[in-house]
Amino acid sequence: MNGETRLSEYKAVILCGGQGTRIRGVAEGIPKPLIDIGGKPIVWHIMKMYSFYGIRKFILCLGYRGDTIIDYFENYQSRTHDFTMTIKDKNHRSFNDEVRKDRDVDDWEITFALTGEDTMTGGRILRIKKYIKEGLFFATYGDGLSDVDIGKLFSFHLEAGGVASLTGVHLPTTFGIVESEGNGKITSFREKPVLPGRINGGFFVFNQQIFDHIDNDSTVLEDLPFKRLVRSRSISMFPWDGFWHGMDTFKDYQELNKIWNENKAPWKLWS
């Protein structure tokens, strides 16, 4: 059994409940995962990255304006290909042979889980427990992009054991660092250096036991559940030195679109 076949057995859970309140002017009236990067929602980019590794079953944890995410995928083919519609029966749409032969048509199975507008990250994970029949599952936030090797993350989790593995990434500063001697003479200037240490990059592998550490809708995944796992030595960090970029602000939105438009997107693993 090769690595891709093994990965295809598992689902990827994507937390899609955010509003994008710090990206005003772009995220008005839509959830954060629908914000476009290069003309496609950021959640699409995340799903394409996972599907590169053979993972094609997704659970989207919906919250704020989840209906717009459902609408996007219900009309996915219509948004991306020419088609013919019979007006008398608007539900009847026919796509030409070229679409049927198109290898870029994504073969995804998506479960839309209505996890509540005010539910916290842990609560959203708990609510999808009934859809996880396999021994483990992948999970991530709906607003971060990376070229993290999902296959290596999977292998790391199996070797580390425990309940959870998270991807640890370096966070670049938003400002340059100036270093000087005691007399004030500048010795170096580093433009947006990578800070030492790592942050939670948001690409997880969880065993089913994670559900036992989440209390209810108000549970923040990164708080009590992770603290419990730390105490029991049941959580490990997979270090990743490659590309990672969250989309928390309008500046992040601009930067990710710039990277994509210049054809320099490291997360674009698919051809």
C-alpha atoms as a PDB file:
ATOM      1  CA  MET A   1       0.000   0.000   0.000  1.00  0.00           C
ATOM      2  CA  ASN A   2       1.633   3.254  -1.066  1.00  0.00           C
ATOM      3  CA  GLY A   3       1.557   6.516   0.879  1.00  0.00           C
ATOM      4  CA  GLU A   4      -1.112   8.162  -1.254  1.00  0.00           C
ATOM      5  CA  THR A   5      -3.442   5.183  -0.898  1.00  0.00           C
ATOM      6  CA  ARG A   6      -3.043   5.238   2.869  1.00  0.00           C
ATOM      7  CA  LEU A   7      -3.706   8.965   3.083  1.00  0.00           C
ATOM      8  CA  SER A   8      -6.803   8.649   0.917  1.00  0.00           C
ATOM      9  CA  GLU A   9      -8.427   6.575   3.647  1.00  0.00           C
ATOM     10  CA  TYR A  10      -8.693   9.604   5.916  1.00  0.00           C
ATOM     11  CA  LYS A  11     -10.680  12.831   5.974  1.00  0.00           C
ATOM     12  CA  ALA A  12      -9.498  16.416   6.274  1.00  0.00           C
ATOM     13  CA  VAL A  13     -11.520  18.678   8.561  1.00  0.00           C
ATOM     14  CA  ILE A  14     -11.380  22.405   7.779  1.00  0.00           C
ATOM     15  CA  LEU A  15     -12.582  24.999  10.289  1.00  0.00           C
ATOM     16  CA  CYS A  16     -14.647  27.438   8.219  1.00  0.00           C
ATOM     17  CA  GLY A  17     -16.504  29.475  10.815  1.00  0.00           C
ATOM     18  CA  GLY A  18     -14.507  32.719  10.807  1.00  0.00           C
ATOM     19  CA  GLN A  19     -15.814  36.131   9.782  1.00  0.00           C
ATOM     20  CA  GLY A  20     -12.614  37.846   8.670  1.00  0.00           C
ATOM     21  CA  THR A  21     -13.398  40.968  10.712  1.00  0.00           C
ATOM     22  CA  ARG A  22      -9.849  42.299  10.255  1.00  0.00           C
ATOM     23  CA  ILE A  23     -10.079  42.145   6.470  1.00  0.00           C
ATOM     24  CA  ARG A  24     -12.769  44.784   6.018  1.00  0.00           C
ATOM     25  CA  GLY A  25     -13.611  45.698   2.451  1.00  0.00           C
ATOM     26  CA  VAL A  26     -12.800  42.183   1.243  1.00  0.00           C
ATOM     27  CA  ALA A  27     -14.706  39.940   3.646  1.00  0.00           C
ATOM     28  CA  GLU A  28     -17.919  41.943   3.890  1.00  0.00           C
ATOM     29  CA  GLY A  29     -20.825  39.506   4.080  1.00  0.00           C
ATOM     30  CA  ILE A  30     -18.802  36.368   3.400  1.00  0.00           C
ATOM     31  CA  PRO A  31     -16.926  33.952   5.673  1.00  0.00           C
ATOM     32  CA  LYS A  32     -13.162  34.184   5.755  1.00  0.00           C
ATOM     33  CA  PRO A  33     -12.563  30.883   3.882  1.00  0.00           C
ATOM     34  CA  LEU A  34     -14.331  32.346   0.817  1.00  0.00           C
ATOM     35  CA  ILE A  35     -11.914  35.254   0.462  1.00  0.00           C
ATOM     36  CA  ASP A  36     -10.275  34.977  -2.930  1.00  0.00           C
ATOM     37  CA  ILE A  37      -6.617  34.304  -3.563  1.00  0.00           C
ATOM     38  CA  GLY A  38      -5.989  34.572  -7.286  1.00  0.00           C
ATOM     39  CA  GLY A  39      -9.689  34.331  -8.083  1.00  0.00           C
ATOM     40  CA  LYS A  40     -10.379  31.214  -5.997  1.00  0.00           C
ATOM     41  CA  PRO A  41     -11.436  31.023  -2.316  1.00  0.00           C
ATOM     42  CA  ILE A  42      -8.622  30.289   0.114  1.00  0.00           C
ATOM     43  CA  VAL A  43     -10.486  27.137   1.216  1.00  0.00           C
ATOM     44  CA  TRP A  44     -10.198  25.872  -2.378  1.00  0.00           C
ATOM     45  CA  HIS A  45      -6.414  26.327  -2.229  1.00  0.00           C
ATOM     46  CA  ILE A  46      -6.288  24.371   1.032  1.00  0.00           C
ATOM     47  CA  MET A  47      -8.377  21.543  -0.414  1.00  0.00           C
ATOM     48  CA  LYS A  48      -6.244  21.415  -3.560  1.00  0.00           C
ATOM     49  CA  MET A  49      -3.148  21.089  -1.395  1.00  0.00           C
ATOM     50  CA  TYR A  50      -4.624  18.180   0.564  1.00  0.00           C
ATOM     51  CA  SER A  51      -5.910  16.475  -2.584  1.00  0.00           C
ATOM     52  CA  PHE A  52      -2.378  16.571  -4.013  1.00  0.00           C
ATOM     53  CA  TYR A  53      -1.591  13.979  -1.334  1.00  0.00           C
ATOM     54  CA  GLY A  54      -4.606  11.851  -2.236  1.00  0.00           C
ATOM     55  CA  ILE A  55      -6.978  13.220   0.418  1.00  0.00           C
ATOM     56  CA  ARG A  56     -10.312  13.883  -1.267  1.00  0.00           C
ATOM     57  CA  LYS A  57     -12.834  13.571   1.573  1.00  0.00           C
ATOM     58  CA  PHE A  58     -13.444  16.807   3.423  1.00  0.00           C
ATOM     59  CA  ILE A  59     -15.562  17.977   6.318  1.00  0.00           C
ATOM     60  CA  LEU A  60     -16.152  21.727   6.329  1.00  0.00           C
ATOM     61  CA  CYS A  61     -17.119  23.043   9.778  1.00  0.00           C
ATOM     62  CA  LEU A  62     -19.433  25.908   8.891  1.00  0.00           C
ATOM     63  CA  GLY A  63     -20.288  28.902  11.012  1.00  0.00           C
ATOM     64  CA  TYR A  64     -20.747  32.504   9.908  1.00  0.00           C
ATOM     65  CA  ARG A  65     -22.529  32.610   6.517  1.00  0.00           C
ATOM     66  CA  GLY A  66     -21.987  28.929   5.986  1.00  0.00           C
ATOM     67  CA  ASP A  67     -24.724  29.062   3.349  1.00  0.00           C
ATOM     68  CA  THR A  68     -22.387  30.965   1.029  1.00  0.00           C
ATOM     69  CA  ILE A  69     -19.784  28.190   1.241  1.00  0.00           C
ATOM     70  CA  ILE A  70     -22.467  25.600   0.464  1.00  0.00           C
ATOM     71  CA  ASP A  71     -23.605  27.712  -2.490  1.00  0.00           C
ATOM     72  CA  TYR A  72     -20.065  27.984  -3.830  1.00  0.00           C
ATOM     73  CA  PHE A  73     -19.560  24.224  -3.948  1.00  0.00           C
ATOM     74  CA  GLU A  74     -23.098  23.394  -5.059  1.00  0.00           C
ATOM     75  CA  ASN A  75     -22.419  25.534  -8.121  1.00  0.00           C
ATOM     76  CA  TYR A  76     -18.737  24.609  -8.359  1.00  0.00           C
ATOM     77  CA  GLN A  77     -18.787  23.179 -11.880  1.00  0.00           C
ATOM     78  CA  SER A  78     -20.987  26.009 -13.112  1.00  0.00           C
ATOM     79  CA  ARG A  79     -18.523  28.558 -11.760  1.00  0.00           C
ATOM     80  CA  THR A  80     -15.541  27.001 -13.493  1.00  0.00           C
ATOM     81  CA  HIS A  81     -16.813  25.565 -16.827  1.00  0.00           C
ATOM     82  CA  ASP A  82     -19.112  26.430 -19.707  1.00  0.00           C
ATOM     83  CA  PHE A  83     -22.472  24.660 -19.485  1.00  0.00           C
ATOM     84  CA  THR A  84     -25.935  24.550 -21.025  1.00  0.00           C
ATOM     85  CA  MET A  85     -28.997  25.163 -18.857  1.00  0.00           C
ATOM     86  CA  THR A  86     -32.578  24.215 -19.624  1.00  0.00           C
ATOM     87  CA  ILE A  87     -34.560  27.233 -18.410  1.00  0.00           C
ATOM     88  CA  LYS A  88     -37.762  25.212 -17.893  1.00  0.00           C
ATOM     89  CA  ASP A  89     -35.835  23.021 -15.451  1.00  0.00           C
ATOM     90  CA  LYS A  90     -33.162  25.160 -13.866  1.00  0.00           C
ATOM     91  CA  ASN A  91     -31.748  22.142 -12.063  1.00  0.00           C
ATOM     92  CA  HIS A  92     -30.835  20.560 -15.388  1.00  0.00           C
ATOM     93  CA  ARG A  93     -27.377  21.594 -16.521  1.00  0.00           C
ATOM     94  CA  SER A  94     -25.305  19.771 -19.101  1.00  0.00           C
ATOM     95  CA  PHE A  95     -21.556  20.069 -19.457  1.00  0.00           C
ATOM     96  CA  ASN A  96     -19.800  19.312 -22.713  1.00  0.00           C
ATOM     97  CA  ASP A  97     -17.449  16.395 -23.304  1.00  0.00           C
ATOM     98  CA  GLU A  98     -14.418  18.571 -22.678  1.00  0.00           C
ATOM     99  CA  VAL A  99     -15.501  19.039 -19.053  1.00  0.00           C
ATOM    100  CA  ARG A 100     -15.966  15.301 -18.586  1.00  0.00           C
ATOM    101  CA  LYS A 101     -12.448  14.736 -19.914  1.00  0.00           C
ATOM    102  CA  ASP A 102     -10.958  17.588 -17.889  1.00  0.00           C
ATOM    103  CA  ARG A 103      -8.420  16.117 -15.457  1.00  0.00           C
ATOM    104  CA  ASP A 104      -8.601  19.304 -13.397  1.00  0.00           C
ATOM    105  CA  VAL A 105     -12.185  18.595 -12.321  1.00  0.00           C
ATOM    106  CA  ASP A 106     -11.851  17.949  -8.600  1.00  0.00           C
ATOM    107  CA  ASP A 107     -13.150  14.615  -7.353  1.00  0.00           C
ATOM    108  CA  TRP A 108     -14.061  15.710  -3.837  1.00  0.00           C
ATOM    109  CA  GLU A 109     -16.551  14.361  -1.320  1.00  0.00           C
ATOM    110  CA  ILE A 110     -17.571  17.213   0.973  1.00  0.00           C
ATOM    111  CA  THR A 111     -19.570  17.011   4.177  1.00  0.00           C
ATOM    112  CA  PHE A 112     -21.000  20.399   5.161  1.00  0.00           C
ATOM    113  CA  ALA A 113     -21.295  20.386   8.954  1.00  0.00           C
ATOM    114  CA  LEU A 114     -23.407  23.185  10.430  1.00  0.00           C
ATOM    115  CA  THR A 115     -21.368  23.692  13.596  1.00  0.00           C
ATOM    116  CA  GLY A 116     -22.954  26.988  14.740  1.00  0.00           C
ATOM    117  CA  GLU A 117     -22.022  30.633  14.374  1.00  0.00           C
ATOM    118  CA  ASP A 118     -20.658  31.122  17.891  1.00  0.00           C
ATOM    119  CA  THR A 119     -19.021  27.735  18.407  1.00  0.00           C
ATOM    120  CA  MET A 120     -15.341  27.775  19.312  1.00  0.00           C
ATOM    121  CA  THR A 121     -12.642  25.807  17.477  1.00  0.00           C
ATOM    122  CA  GLY A 122     -12.751  22.836  19.847  1.00  0.00           C
ATOM    123  CA  GLY A 123     -16.531  22.770  19.788  1.00  0.00           C
ATOM    124  CA  ARG A 124     -16.527  22.614  16.003  1.00  0.00           C
ATOM    125  CA  ILE A 125     -14.201  19.612  16.105  1.00  0.00           C
ATOM    126  CA  LEU A 126     -16.421  17.902  18.687  1.00  0.00           C
ATOM    127  CA  ARG A 127     -19.518  18.420  16.556  1.00  0.00           C
ATOM    128  CA  ILE A 128     -18.097  16.433  13.640  1.00  0.00           C
ATOM    129  CA  LYS A 129     -17.253  13.401  15.784  1.00  0.00           C
ATOM    130  CA  LYS A 130     -20.065  11.375  14.185  1.00  0.00           C
ATOM    131  CA  TYR A 131     -18.454  11.719  10.754  1.00  0.00           C
ATOM    132  CA  ILE A 132     -15.081  10.298  11.811  1.00  0.00           C
ATOM    133  CA  LYS A 133     -15.154   6.515  11.463  1.00  0.00           C
ATOM    134  CA  GLU A 134     -11.442   6.085  10.789  1.00  0.00           C
ATOM    135  CA  GLY A 135      -8.787   5.944  13.492  1.00  0.00           C
ATOM    136  CA  LEU A 136      -7.504   9.432  12.816  1.00  0.00           C
ATOM    137  CA  PHE A 137      -8.151  12.534  10.744  1.00  0.00           C
ATOM    138  CA  PHE A 138      -6.422  15.645   9.450  1.00  0.00           C
ATOM    139  CA  ALA A 139      -7.542  19.130  10.443  1.00  0.00           C
ATOM    140  CA  THR A 140      -6.622  22.717   9.720  1.00  0.00           C
ATOM    141  CA  TYR A 141      -7.920  26.271   9.802  1.00  0.00           C
ATOM    142  CA  GLY A 142      -9.646  27.773   6.772  1.00  0.00           C
ATOM    143  CA  ASP A 143      -7.323  30.761   6.523  1.00  0.00           C
ATOM    144  CA  GLY A 144      -3.734  29.511   6.277  1.00  0.00           C
ATOM    145  CA  LEU A 145      -1.593  28.313   3.366  1.00  0.00           C
ATOM    146  CA  SER A 146       1.548  26.221   3.440  1.00  0.00           C
ATOM    147  CA  ASP A 147       3.649  23.823   1.407  1.00  0.00           C
ATOM    148  CA  VAL A 148       3.841  21.465   4.392  1.00  0.00           C
ATOM    149  CA  ASP A 149       4.418  17.855   3.360  1.00  0.00           C
ATOM    150  CA  ILE A 150       1.230  16.128   4.523  1.00  0.00           C
ATOM    151  CA  GLY A 151       2.743  12.705   3.899  1.00  0.00           C
ATOM    152  CA  LYS A 152       5.663  13.434   6.228  1.00  0.00           C
ATOM    153  CA  LEU A 153       3.293  14.921   8.810  1.00  0.00           C
ATOM    154  CA  PHE A 154       1.234  11.718   8.680  1.00  0.00           C
ATOM    155  CA  SER A 155       4.308   9.513   9.130  1.00  0.00           C
ATOM    156  CA  PHE A 156       5.543  11.709  11.965  1.00  0.00           C
ATOM    157  CA  HIS A 157       2.238  11.314  13.791  1.00  0.00           C
ATOM    158  CA  LEU A 158       2.301   7.537  13.469  1.00  0.00           C
ATOM    159  CA  GLU A 159       5.851   7.388  14.812  1.00  0.00           C
ATOM    160  CA  ALA A 160       5.267   9.894  17.631  1.00  0.00           C
ATOM    161  CA  GLY A 161       2.119   8.214  18.868  1.00  0.00           C
ATOM    162  CA  GLY A 162      -0.173  10.128  21.175  1.00  0.00           C
ATOM    163  CA  VAL A 163      -3.406  11.908  20.413  1.00  0.00           C
ATOM    164  CA  ALA A 164      -2.348  14.926  18.374  1.00  0.00           C
ATOM    165  CA  SER A 165       0.405  16.272  16.166  1.00  0.00           C
ATOM    166  CA  LEU A 166       0.589  19.895  15.099  1.00  0.00           C
ATOM    167  CA  THR A 167       2.807  21.603  12.565  1.00  0.00           C
ATOM    168  CA  GLY A 168       5.240  24.079  14.095  1.00  0.00           C
ATOM    169  CA  VAL A 169       6.308  26.904  11.778  1.00  0.00           C
ATOM    170  CA  HIS A 170       8.500  29.965  12.070  1.00  0.00           C
ATOM    171  CA  LEU A 171       6.793  33.348  12.105  1.00  0.00           C
ATOM    172  CA  PRO A 172       8.463  36.135  10.105  1.00  0.00           C
ATOM    173  CA  THR A 173       8.304  39.560  11.692  1.00  0.00           C
ATOM    174  CA  THR A 174       6.446  42.380   9.991  1.00  0.00           C
ATOM    175  CA  PHE A 175       9.311  44.774  10.666  1.00  0.00           C
ATOM    176  CA  GLY A 176      13.035  44.829  10.053  1.00  0.00           C
ATOM    177  CA  ILE A 177      15.439  44.185  12.936  1.00  0.00           C
ATOM    178  CA  VAL A 178      18.189  46.721  13.620  1.00  0.00           C
ATOM    179  CA  GLU A 179      21.237  45.609  15.608  1.00  0.00           C
ATOM    180  CA  SER A 180      23.886  47.965  16.957  1.00  0.00           C
ATOM    181  CA  GLU A 181      26.975  48.175  19.146  1.00  0.00           C
ATOM    182  CA  GLY A 182      27.031  49.798  22.576  1.00  0.00           C
ATOM    183  CA  ASN A 183      28.000  53.148  21.037  1.00  0.00           C
ATOM    184  CA  GLY A 184      24.940  53.085  18.786  1.00  0.00           C
ATOM    185  CA  LYS A 185      26.775  52.154  15.581  1.00  0.00           C
ATOM    186  CA  ILE A 186      24.497  49.894  13.535  1.00  0.00           C
ATOM    187  CA  THR A 187      26.035  46.515  12.778  1.00  0.00           C
ATOM    188  CA  SER A 188      23.227  44.950  10.786  1.00  0.00           C
ATOM    189  CA  PHE A 189      19.765  45.481   9.440  1.00  0.00           C
ATOM    190  CA  ARG A 190      17.671  42.396   8.724  1.00  0.00           C
ATOM    191  CA  GLU A 191      14.493  42.888   6.709  1.00  0.00           C
ATOM    192  CA  LYS A 192      11.619  40.837   8.170  1.00  0.00           C
ATOM    193  CA  PRO A 193      13.748  38.064   9.643  1.00  0.00           C
ATOM    194  CA  VAL A 194      12.282  34.767  10.797  1.00  0.00           C
ATOM    195  CA  LEU A 195      11.916  34.748  14.559  1.00  0.00           C
ATOM    196  CA  PRO A 196      13.409  31.942  16.638  1.00  0.00           C
ATOM    197  CA  GLY A 197      10.972  29.442  18.055  1.00  0.00           C
ATOM    198  CA  ARG A 198       7.826  28.171  16.401  1.00  0.00           C
ATOM    199  CA  ILE A 199       4.103  28.835  16.407  1.00  0.00           C
ATOM    200  CA  ASN A 200       1.144  26.567  15.758  1.00  0.00           C
ATOM    201  CA  GLY A 201       0.866  26.454  11.965  1.00  0.00           C
ATOM    202  CA  GLY A 202      -2.563  24.843  12.078  1.00  0.00           C
ATOM    203  CA  PHE A 203      -2.001  21.627  10.142  1.00  0.00           C
ATOM    204  CA  PHE A 204      -2.959  18.810  12.509  1.00  0.00           C
ATOM    205  CA  VAL A 205      -3.343  15.066  12.708  1.00  0.00           C
ATOM    206  CA  PHE A 206      -5.708  13.891  15.451  1.00  0.00           C
ATOM    207  CA  ASN A 207      -6.575  10.464  16.777  1.00  0.00           C
ATOM    208  CA  GLN A 208     -10.202   9.928  17.756  1.00  0.00           C
ATOM    209  CA  GLN A 209      -9.247  10.388  21.416  1.00  0.00           C
ATOM    210  CA  ILE A 210      -9.113  14.148  20.771  1.00  0.00           C
ATOM    211  CA  PHE A 211     -12.909  14.199  21.235  1.00  0.00           C
ATOM    212  CA  ASP A 212     -12.483  13.047  24.836  1.00  0.00           C
ATOM    213  CA  HIS A 213     -10.548  16.232  25.621  1.00  0.00           C
ATOM    214  CA  ILE A 214     -13.167  18.669  24.293  1.00  0.00           C
ATOM    215  CA  ASP A 215     -15.978  19.614  26.679  1.00  0.00           C
ATOM    216  CA  ASN A 216     -18.557  21.544  24.667  1.00  0.00           C
ATOM    217  CA  ASP A 217     -19.211  24.277  22.080  1.00  0.00           C
ATOM    218  CA  SER A 218     -17.365  26.898  24.120  1.00  0.00           C
ATOM    219  CA  THR A 219     -14.119  24.914  24.238  1.00  0.00           C
ATOM    220  CA  VAL A 220     -11.196  26.564  22.474  1.00  0.00           C
ATOM    221  CA  LEU A 221      -9.134  23.776  20.943  1.00  0.00           C
ATOM    222  CA  GLU A 222      -5.836  25.534  21.548  1.00  0.00           C
ATOM    223  CA  ASP A 223      -6.575  26.127  25.237  1.00  0.00           C
ATOM    224  CA  LEU A 224      -7.766  23.410  27.634  1.00  0.00           C
ATOM    225  CA  PRO A 225      -7.608  20.406  25.250  1.00  0.00           C
ATOM    226  CA  PHE A 226      -4.024  21.122  24.229  1.00  0.00           C
ATOM    227  CA  LYS A 227      -3.011  21.845  27.830  1.00  0.00           C
ATOM    228  CA  ARG A 228      -4.438  18.477  28.873  1.00  0.00           C
ATOM    229  CA  LEU A 229      -2.517  16.760  26.092  1.00  0.00           C
ATOM    230  CA  VAL A 230       0.694  18.513  27.096  1.00  0.00           C
ATOM    231  CA  ARG A 231       0.289  17.275  30.682  1.00  0.00           C
ATOM    232  CA  SER A 232      -0.227  13.706  29.482  1.00  0.00           C
ATOM    233  CA  ARG A 233       2.598  14.033  26.912  1.00  0.00           C
ATOM    234  CA  SER A 234       0.145  13.116  24.171  1.00  0.00           C
ATOM    235  CA  ILE A 235       0.800  15.956  21.720  1.00  0.00           C
ATOM    236  CA  SER A 236       3.823  16.377  19.446  1.00  0.00           C
ATOM    237  CA  MET A 237       5.126  19.068  17.113  1.00  0.00           C
ATOM    238  CA  PHE A 238       6.113  18.380  13.522  1.00  0.00           C
ATOM    239  CA  PRO A 239       8.670  21.095  12.633  1.00  0.00           C
ATOM    240  CA  TRP A 240       8.276  22.635   9.183  1.00  0.00           C
ATOM    241  CA  ASP A 241      10.783  25.122   7.807  1.00  0.00           C
ATOM    242  CA  GLY A 242       9.045  25.660   4.486  1.00  0.00           C
ATOM    243  CA  PHE A 243       6.430  28.198   3.487  1.00  0.00           C
ATOM    244  CA  TRP A 244       3.583  29.160   5.789  1.00  0.00           C
ATOM    245  CA  HIS A 245       1.395  32.256   5.711  1.00  0.00           C
ATOM    246  CA  GLY A 246      -1.807  32.980   7.602  1.00  0.00           C
ATOM    247  CA  MET A 247      -4.449  35.413   6.356  1.00  0.00           C
ATOM    248  CA  ASP A 248      -5.436  37.489   9.358  1.00  0.00           C
ATOM    249  CA  THR A 249      -5.246  41.022   7.961  1.00  0.00           C
ATOM    250  CA  PHE A 250      -5.766  42.949   4.755  1.00  0.00           C
ATOM    251  CA  LYS A 251      -1.993  43.091   4.378  1.00  0.00           C
ATOM    252  CA  ASP A 252      -1.850  39.279   4.498  1.00  0.00           C
ATOM    253  CA  TYR A 253      -4.585  39.153   1.848  1.00  0.00           C
ATOM    254  CA  GLN A 254      -2.565  41.468  -0.409  1.00  0.00           C
ATOM    255  CA  GLU A 255       0.655  39.513   0.137  1.00  0.00           C
ATOM    256  CA  LEU A 256      -0.890  36.122  -0.672  1.00  0.00           C
ATOM    257  CA  ASN A 257      -2.495  37.479  -3.828  1.00  0.00           C
ATOM    258  CA  LYS A 258       0.808  39.049  -4.852  1.00  0.00           C
ATOM    259  CA  ILE A 259       2.620  35.723  -4.396  1.00  0.00           C
ATOM    260  CA  TRP A 260      -0.036  33.908  -6.425  1.00  0.00           C
ATOM    261  CA  ASN A 261      -0.199  36.474  -9.224  1.00  0.00           C
ATOM    262  CA  GLU A 262       3.577  36.360  -9.622  1.00  0.00           C
ATOM    263  CA  ASN A 263       3.385  32.562 -10.035  1.00  0.00           C
ATOM    264  CA  LYS A 264       5.511  32.065  -6.943  1.00  0.00           C
ATOM    265  CA  ALA A 265       2.995  30.271  -4.728  1.00  0.00           C
ATOM    266  CA  PRO A 266       4.873  27.507  -2.837  1.00  0.00           C
ATOM    267  CA  TRP A 267       1.582  25.916  -1.752  1.00  0.00           C
ATOM    268  CA  LYS A 268       0.605  25.282  -5.405  1.00  0.00           C
ATOM    269  CA  LEU A 269       1.815  21.692  -5.376  1.00  0.00           C
ATOM    270  CA  TRP A 270      -0.666  20.595  -8.040  1.00  0.00           C
ATOM    271  CA  SER A 271       0.027  21.125 -11.726  1.00  0.00           C
END
